[in-house]
Amino acid sequence: MIIKEGKEKRGAVIATLFVVIGLVLLLTPIRDSTTRHGIPVWIIGTIAVVTGLVFLGGVFQNLLRRRRR
C-alpha cells in the first residue's frame, strides 16, 4: 500500500504537486540545464512526474479498494 487509508486527499495533493513540478521542469527551457552537481534537469523532471503518477495510482487503488468493501 503506497498511501495509507484515510490519507488519500493529502496523497493526491502531494502527487499532483510532483506531477506539476515535473511538467514545469520538462516543458520550460530549464530542462536543458544541469544542476550544480551535474544532474540534467530533464532527468529530475522525469523522476518527479513518474513519482507523482505512482502516488496517484496508489490513491486511486485505495479508493477503488474502499468502494469494493
PDB file of N, CA and C in Angstrom:
ATOM      1  N   MET A   1       0.850  -1.170   0.000  1.00  0.00           N
ATOM      2  CA  MET A   1       0.000   0.000   0.000  1.00  0.00           C
ATOM      3  C   MET A   1       0.902   1.241   0.000  1.00  0.00           C
ATOM      4  N   ILE A   2       0.755   2.049  -0.987  1.00  0.00           N
ATOM      5  CA  ILE A   2       1.601   3.235  -1.127  1.00  0.00           C
ATOM      6  C   ILE A   2       1.106   4.361  -0.217  1.00  0.00           C
ATOM      7  N   ILE A   3      -0.184   4.599  -0.201  1.00  0.00           N
ATOM      8  CA  ILE A   3      -0.798   5.656   0.591  1.00  0.00           C
ATOM      9  C   ILE A   3      -1.681   5.002   1.648  1.00  0.00           C
ATOM     10  N   LYS A   4      -1.571   5.457   2.897  1.00  0.00           N
ATOM     11  CA  LYS A   4      -2.401   4.902   3.964  1.00  0.00           C
ATOM     12  C   LYS A   4      -3.867   5.241   3.725  1.00  0.00           C
ATOM     13  N   GLU A   5      -4.728   4.336   4.175  1.00  0.00           N
ATOM     14  CA  GLU A   5      -6.158   4.606   4.054  1.00  0.00           C
ATOM     15  C   GLU A   5      -6.534   5.798   4.917  1.00  0.00           C
ATOM     16  N   GLY A   6      -7.378   6.649   4.413  1.00  0.00           N
ATOM     17  CA  GLY A   6      -7.775   7.852   5.113  1.00  0.00           C
ATOM     18  C   GLY A   6      -6.880   9.042   4.819  1.00  0.00           C
ATOM     19  N   LYS A   7      -5.763   8.818   4.148  1.00  0.00           N
ATOM     20  CA  LYS A   7      -4.825   9.900   3.811  1.00  0.00           C
ATOM     21  C   LYS A   7      -4.799  10.161   2.308  1.00  0.00           C
ATOM     22  N   GLU A   8      -5.877   9.766   1.634  1.00  0.00           N
ATOM     23  CA  GLU A   8      -5.894   9.882   0.179  1.00  0.00           C
ATOM     24  C   GLU A   8      -5.870  11.326  -0.305  1.00  0.00           C
ATOM     25  N   LYS A   9      -6.557  12.216   0.414  1.00  0.00           N
ATOM     26  CA  LYS A   9      -6.605  13.612  -0.030  1.00  0.00           C
ATOM     27  C   LYS A   9      -5.212  14.232   0.020  1.00  0.00           C
ATOM     28  N   ARG A  10      -4.513  14.011   1.122  1.00  0.00           N
ATOM     29  CA  ARG A  10      -3.153  14.544   1.249  1.00  0.00           C
ATOM     30  C   ARG A  10      -2.237  13.913   0.207  1.00  0.00           C
ATOM     31  N   GLY A  11      -2.384  12.620  -0.011  1.00  0.00           N
ATOM     32  CA  GLY A  11      -1.570  11.931  -1.017  1.00  0.00           C
ATOM     33  C   GLY A  11      -1.833  12.444  -2.409  1.00  0.00           C
ATOM     34  N   ALA A  12      -3.098  12.725  -2.714  1.00  0.00           N
ATOM     35  CA  ALA A  12      -3.440  13.248  -4.034  1.00  0.00           C
ATOM     36  C   ALA A  12      -2.851  14.638  -4.246  1.00  0.00           C
ATOM     37  N   VAL A  13      -2.864  15.450  -3.213  1.00  0.00           N
ATOM     38  CA  VAL A  13      -2.288  16.796  -3.321  1.00  0.00           C
ATOM     39  C   VAL A  13      -0.782  16.716  -3.567  1.00  0.00           C
ATOM     40  N   ILE A  14      -0.104  15.868  -2.803  1.00  0.00           N
ATOM     41  CA  ILE A  14       1.350  15.729  -2.958  1.00  0.00           C
ATOM     42  C   ILE A  14       1.681  15.151  -4.331  1.00  0.00           C
ATOM     43  N   ALA A  15       0.914  14.160  -4.766  1.00  0.00           N
ATOM     44  CA  ALA A  15       1.157  13.559  -6.074  1.00  0.00           C
ATOM     45  C   ALA A  15       0.952  14.575  -7.191  1.00  0.00           C
ATOM     46  N   THR A  16      -0.088  15.387  -7.069  1.00  0.00           N
ATOM     47  CA  THR A  16      -0.343  16.412  -8.079  1.00  0.00           C
ATOM     48  C   THR A  16       0.786  17.434  -8.115  1.00  0.00           C
ATOM     49  N   LEU A  17       1.301  17.792  -6.950  1.00  0.00           N
ATOM     50  CA  LEU A  17       2.435  18.723  -6.908  1.00  0.00           C
ATOM     51  C   LEU A  17       3.663  18.134  -7.601  1.00  0.00           C
ATOM     52  N   PHE A  18       3.926  16.851  -7.363  1.00  0.00           N
ATOM     53  CA  PHE A  18       5.055  16.204  -8.040  1.00  0.00           C
ATOM     54  C   PHE A  18       4.877  16.242  -9.553  1.00  0.00           C
ATOM     55  N   VAL A  19       3.676  15.943 -10.024  1.00  0.00           N
ATOM     56  CA  VAL A  19       3.425  15.929 -11.466  1.00  0.00           C
ATOM     57  C   VAL A  19       3.568  17.337 -12.043  1.00  0.00           C
ATOM     58  N   VAL A  20       3.010  18.328 -11.366  1.00  0.00           N
ATOM     59  CA  VAL A  20       3.081  19.705 -11.872  1.00  0.00           C
ATOM     60  C   VAL A  20       4.525  20.201 -11.892  1.00  0.00           C
ATOM     61  N   ILE A  21       5.269  19.969 -10.818  1.00  0.00           N
ATOM     62  CA  ILE A  21       6.670  20.408 -10.784  1.00  0.00           C
ATOM     63  C   ILE A  21       7.479  19.701 -11.869  1.00  0.00           C
ATOM     64  N   GLY A  22       7.235  18.397 -12.028  1.00  0.00           N
ATOM     65  CA  GLY A  22       7.937  17.657 -13.080  1.00  0.00           C
ATOM     66  C   GLY A  22       7.623  18.183 -14.460  1.00  0.00           C
ATOM     67  N   LEU A  23       6.343  18.493 -14.712  1.00  0.00           N
ATOM     68  CA  LEU A  23       5.975  19.030 -16.026  1.00  0.00           C
ATOM     69  C   LEU A  23       6.568  20.413 -16.258  1.00  0.00           C
ATOM     70  N   VAL A  24       6.629  21.220 -15.213  1.00  0.00           N
ATOM     71  CA  VAL A  24       7.259  22.539 -15.354  1.00  0.00           C
ATOM     72  C   VAL A  24       8.729  22.381 -15.709  1.00  0.00           C
ATOM     73  N   LEU A  25       9.399  21.440 -15.047  1.00  0.00           N
ATOM     74  CA  LEU A  25      10.817  21.224 -15.353  1.00  0.00           C
ATOM     75  C   LEU A  25      11.011  20.690 -16.776  1.00  0.00           C
ATOM     76  N   LEU A  26      10.060  19.908 -17.244  1.00  0.00           N
ATOM     77  CA  LEU A  26      10.209  19.327 -18.580  1.00  0.00           C
ATOM     78  C   LEU A  26       9.774  20.269 -19.702  1.00  0.00           C
ATOM     79  N   LEU A  27       8.825  21.153 -19.442  1.00  0.00           N
ATOM     80  CA  LEU A  27       8.255  21.967 -20.517  1.00  0.00           C
ATOM     81  C   LEU A  27       8.825  23.371 -20.610  1.00  0.00           C
ATOM     82  N   THR A  28       9.730  23.730 -19.719  1.00  0.00           N
ATOM     83  CA  THR A  28      10.352  25.051 -19.786  1.00  0.00           C
ATOM     84  C   THR A  28      11.791  24.902 -20.282  1.00  0.00           C
ATOM     85  N   PRO A  29      12.398  25.982 -20.706  1.00  0.00           N
ATOM     86  CA  PRO A  29      13.779  25.907 -21.213  1.00  0.00           C
ATOM     87  C   PRO A  29      14.801  25.457 -20.166  1.00  0.00           C
ATOM     88  N   ILE A  30      14.414  25.427 -18.897  1.00  0.00           N
ATOM     89  CA  ILE A  30      15.349  24.996 -17.861  1.00  0.00           C
ATOM     90  C   ILE A  30      15.736  23.528 -18.020  1.00  0.00           C
ATOM     91  N   ARG A  31      14.961  22.754 -18.816  1.00  0.00           N
ATOM     92  CA  ARG A  31      15.239  21.324 -18.975  1.00  0.00           C
ATOM     93  C   ARG A  31      16.602  21.073 -19.617  1.00  0.00           C
ATOM     94  N   ASP A  32      17.132  22.060 -20.322  1.00  0.00           N
ATOM     95  CA  ASP A  32      18.428  21.898 -20.971  1.00  0.00           C
ATOM     96  C   ASP A  32      19.588  22.190 -20.023  1.00  0.00           C
ATOM     97  N   SER A  33      19.284  22.635 -18.818  1.00  0.00           N
ATOM     98  CA  SER A  33      20.323  22.964 -17.846  1.00  0.00           C
ATOM     99  C   SER A  33      20.757  21.725 -17.072  1.00  0.00           C
ATOM    100  N   THR A  34      21.796  21.913 -16.281  1.00  0.00           N
ATOM    101  CA  THR A  34      22.223  20.881 -15.344  1.00  0.00           C
ATOM    102  C   THR A  34      22.314  21.510 -13.960  1.00  0.00           C
ATOM    103  N   THR A  35      22.148  20.687 -12.939  1.00  0.00           N
ATOM    104  CA  THR A  35      22.274  21.192 -11.576  1.00  0.00           C
ATOM    105  C   THR A  35      23.745  21.403 -11.267  1.00  0.00           C
ATOM    106  N   ARG A  36      24.039  21.977 -10.137  1.00  0.00           N
ATOM    107  CA  ARG A  36      25.448  22.202  -9.811  1.00  0.00           C
ATOM    108  C   ARG A  36      26.173  20.901  -9.489  1.00  0.00           C
ATOM    109  N   HIS A  37      25.399  19.820  -9.341  1.00  0.00           N
ATOM    110  CA  HIS A  37      26.003  18.508  -9.113  1.00  0.00           C
ATOM    111  C   HIS A  37      26.145  17.725 -10.415  1.00  0.00           C
ATOM    112  N   GLY A  38      25.736  18.324 -11.533  1.00  0.00           N
ATOM    113  CA  GLY A  38      25.913  17.709 -12.838  1.00  0.00           C
ATOM    114  C   GLY A  38      24.758  16.842 -13.311  1.00  0.00           C
ATOM    115  N   ILE A  39      23.630  16.863 -12.600  1.00  0.00           N
ATOM    116  CA  ILE A  39      22.478  16.057 -12.994  1.00  0.00           C
ATOM    117  C   ILE A  39      21.621  16.874 -13.966  1.00  0.00           C
ATOM    118  N   PRO A  40      21.311  16.325 -15.130  1.00  0.00           N
ATOM    119  CA  PRO A  40      20.439  17.049 -16.065  1.00  0.00           C
ATOM    120  C   PRO A  40      19.044  17.264 -15.469  1.00  0.00           C
ATOM    121  N   VAL A  41      18.495  18.432 -15.684  1.00  0.00           N
ATOM    122  CA  VAL A  41      17.195  18.785 -15.113  1.00  0.00           C
ATOM    123  C   VAL A  41      16.078  17.946 -15.720  1.00  0.00           C
ATOM    124  N   TRP A  42      16.219  17.518 -16.970  1.00  0.00           N
ATOM    125  CA  TRP A  42      15.162  16.713 -17.574  1.00  0.00           C
ATOM    126  C   TRP A  42      15.017  15.371 -16.867  1.00  0.00           C
ATOM    127  N   ILE A  43      16.119  14.837 -16.315  1.00  0.00           N
ATOM    128  CA  ILE A  43      16.034  13.585 -15.556  1.00  0.00           C
ATOM    129  C   ILE A  43      15.275  13.814 -14.257  1.00  0.00           C
ATOM    130  N   ILE A  44      15.539  14.924 -13.594  1.00  0.00           N
ATOM    131  CA  ILE A  44      14.831  15.244 -12.345  1.00  0.00           C
ATOM    132  C   ILE A  44      13.339  15.432 -12.627  1.00  0.00           C
ATOM    133  N   GLY A  45      13.018  16.113 -13.721  1.00  0.00           N
ATOM    134  CA  GLY A  45      11.615  16.304 -14.092  1.00  0.00           C
ATOM    135  C   GLY A  45      10.921  14.990 -14.393  1.00  0.00           C
ATOM    136  N   THR A  46      11.600  14.101 -15.100  1.00  0.00           N
ATOM    137  CA  THR A  46      11.022  12.795 -15.426  1.00  0.00           C
ATOM    138  C   THR A  46      10.781  11.984 -14.157  1.00  0.00           C
ATOM    139  N   ILE A  47      11.731  11.996 -13.241  1.00  0.00           N
ATOM    140  CA  ILE A  47      11.568  11.272 -11.976  1.00  0.00           C
ATOM    141  C   ILE A  47      10.404  11.848 -11.179  1.00  0.00           C
ATOM    142  N   ALA A  48      10.267  13.166 -11.168  1.00  0.00           N
ATOM    143  CA  ALA A  48       9.164  13.792 -10.435  1.00  0.00           C
ATOM    144  C   ALA A  48       7.816  13.403 -11.023  1.00  0.00           C
ATOM    145  N   VAL A  49       7.699  13.394 -12.351  1.00  0.00           N
ATOM    146  CA  VAL A  49       6.430  13.027 -12.988  1.00  0.00           C
ATOM    147  C   VAL A  49       6.095  11.562 -12.702  1.00  0.00           C
ATOM    148  N   VAL A  50       7.059  10.682 -12.837  1.00  0.00           N
ATOM    149  CA  VAL A  50       6.814   9.256 -12.596  1.00  0.00           C
ATOM    150  C   VAL A  50       6.429   9.017 -11.142  1.00  0.00           C
ATOM    151  N   THR A  51       7.120   9.679 -10.217  1.00  0.00           N
ATOM    152  CA  THR A  51       6.795   9.530  -8.798  1.00  0.00           C
ATOM    153  C   THR A  51       5.380  10.006  -8.514  1.00  0.00           C
ATOM    154  N   GLY A  52       5.001  11.139  -9.069  1.00  0.00           N
ATOM    155  CA  GLY A  52       3.645  11.644  -8.872  1.00  0.00           C
ATOM    156  C   GLY A  52       2.592  10.712  -9.439  1.00  0.00           C
ATOM    157  N   LEU A  53       2.858  10.124 -10.594  1.00  0.00           N
ATOM    158  CA  LEU A  53       1.893   9.194 -11.186  1.00  0.00           C
ATOM    159  C   LEU A  53       1.772   7.910 -10.369  1.00  0.00           C
ATOM    160  N   VAL A  54       2.878   7.459  -9.796  1.00  0.00           N
ATOM    161  CA  VAL A  54       2.824   6.277  -8.927  1.00  0.00           C
ATOM    162  C   VAL A  54       2.000   6.578  -7.684  1.00  0.00           C
ATOM    163  N   PHE A  55       2.209   7.757  -7.097  1.00  0.00           N
ATOM    164  CA  PHE A  55       1.418   8.145  -5.923  1.00  0.00           C
ATOM    165  C   PHE A  55      -0.069   8.251  -6.272  1.00  0.00           C
ATOM    166  N   LEU A  56      -0.380   8.840  -7.423  1.00  0.00           N
ATOM    167  CA  LEU A  56      -1.779   8.928  -7.843  1.00  0.00           C
ATOM    168  C   LEU A  56      -2.377   7.541  -8.057  1.00  0.00           C
ATOM    169  N   GLY A  57      -1.588   6.633  -8.590  1.00  0.00           N
ATOM    170  CA  GLY A  57      -2.045   5.253  -8.735  1.00  0.00           C
ATOM    171  C   GLY A  57      -2.369   4.626  -7.390  1.00  0.00           C
ATOM    172  N   GLY A  58      -1.553   4.912  -6.384  1.00  0.00           N
ATOM    173  CA  GLY A  58      -1.826   4.403  -5.041  1.00  0.00           C
ATOM    174  C   GLY A  58      -3.091   4.988  -4.451  1.00  0.00           C
ATOM    175  N   VAL A  59      -3.327   6.263  -4.708  1.00  0.00           N
ATOM    176  CA  VAL A  59      -4.549   6.905  -4.219  1.00  0.00           C
ATOM    177  C   VAL A  59      -5.773   6.266  -4.868  1.00  0.00           C
ATOM    178  N   PHE A  60      -5.736   6.105  -6.189  1.00  0.00           N
ATOM    179  CA  PHE A  60      -6.877   5.503  -6.893  1.00  0.00           C
ATOM    180  C   PHE A  60      -7.081   4.054  -6.470  1.00  0.00           C
ATOM    181  N   GLN A  61      -5.988   3.345  -6.228  1.00  0.00           N
ATOM    182  CA  GLN A  61      -6.091   1.968  -5.774  1.00  0.00           C
ATOM    183  C   GLN A  61      -6.795   1.897  -4.423  1.00  0.00           C
ATOM    184  N   ASN A  62      -6.454   2.796  -3.507  1.00  0.00           N
ATOM    185  CA  ASN A  62      -7.116   2.828  -2.207  1.00  0.00           C
ATOM    186  C   ASN A  62      -8.598   3.165  -2.343  1.00  0.00           C
ATOM    187  N   LEU A  63      -8.908   4.124  -3.204  1.00  0.00           N
ATOM    188  CA  LEU A  63     -10.311   4.498  -3.368  1.00  0.00           C
ATOM    189  C   LEU A  63     -11.127   3.358  -3.975  1.00  0.00           C
ATOM    190  N   LEU A  64     -10.555   2.645  -4.939  1.00  0.00           N
ATOM    191  CA  LEU A  64     -11.260   1.505  -5.521  1.00  0.00           C
ATOM    192  C   LEU A  64     -11.422   0.379  -4.508  1.00  0.00           C
ATOM    193  N   ARG A  65     -10.400   0.156  -3.716  1.00  0.00           N
ATOM    194  CA  ARG A  65     -10.465  -0.886  -2.694  1.00  0.00           C
ATOM    195  C   ARG A  65     -11.519  -0.559  -1.648  1.00  0.00           C
ATOM    196  N   ARG A  66     -11.660   0.724  -1.312  1.00  0.00           N
ATOM    197  CA  ARG A  66     -12.654   1.129  -0.327  1.00  0.00           C
ATOM    198  C   ARG A  66     -14.080   0.949  -0.870  1.00  0.00           C
ATOM    199  N   ARG A  67     -14.275   1.191  -2.173  1.00  0.00           N
ATOM    200  CA  ARG A  67     -15.611   1.022  -2.775  1.00  0.00           C
ATOM    201  C   ARG A  67     -16.032  -0.448  -2.815  1.00  0.00           C
ATOM    202  N   ARG A  68     -15.081  -1.350  -2.965  1.00  0.00           N
ATOM    203  CA  ARG A  68     -15.407  -2.775  -3.058  1.00  0.00           C
ATOM    204  C   ARG A  68     -15.859  -3.344  -1.732  1.00  0.00           C
ATOM    205  N   ARG A  69     -15.476  -2.722  -0.641  1.00  0.00           N
ATOM    206  CA  ARG A  69     -15.844  -3.248   0.685  1.00  0.00           C
ATOM    207  C   ARG A  69     -17.272  -2.983   1.018  1.00  0.00           C
TER     208      ARG A  69
END
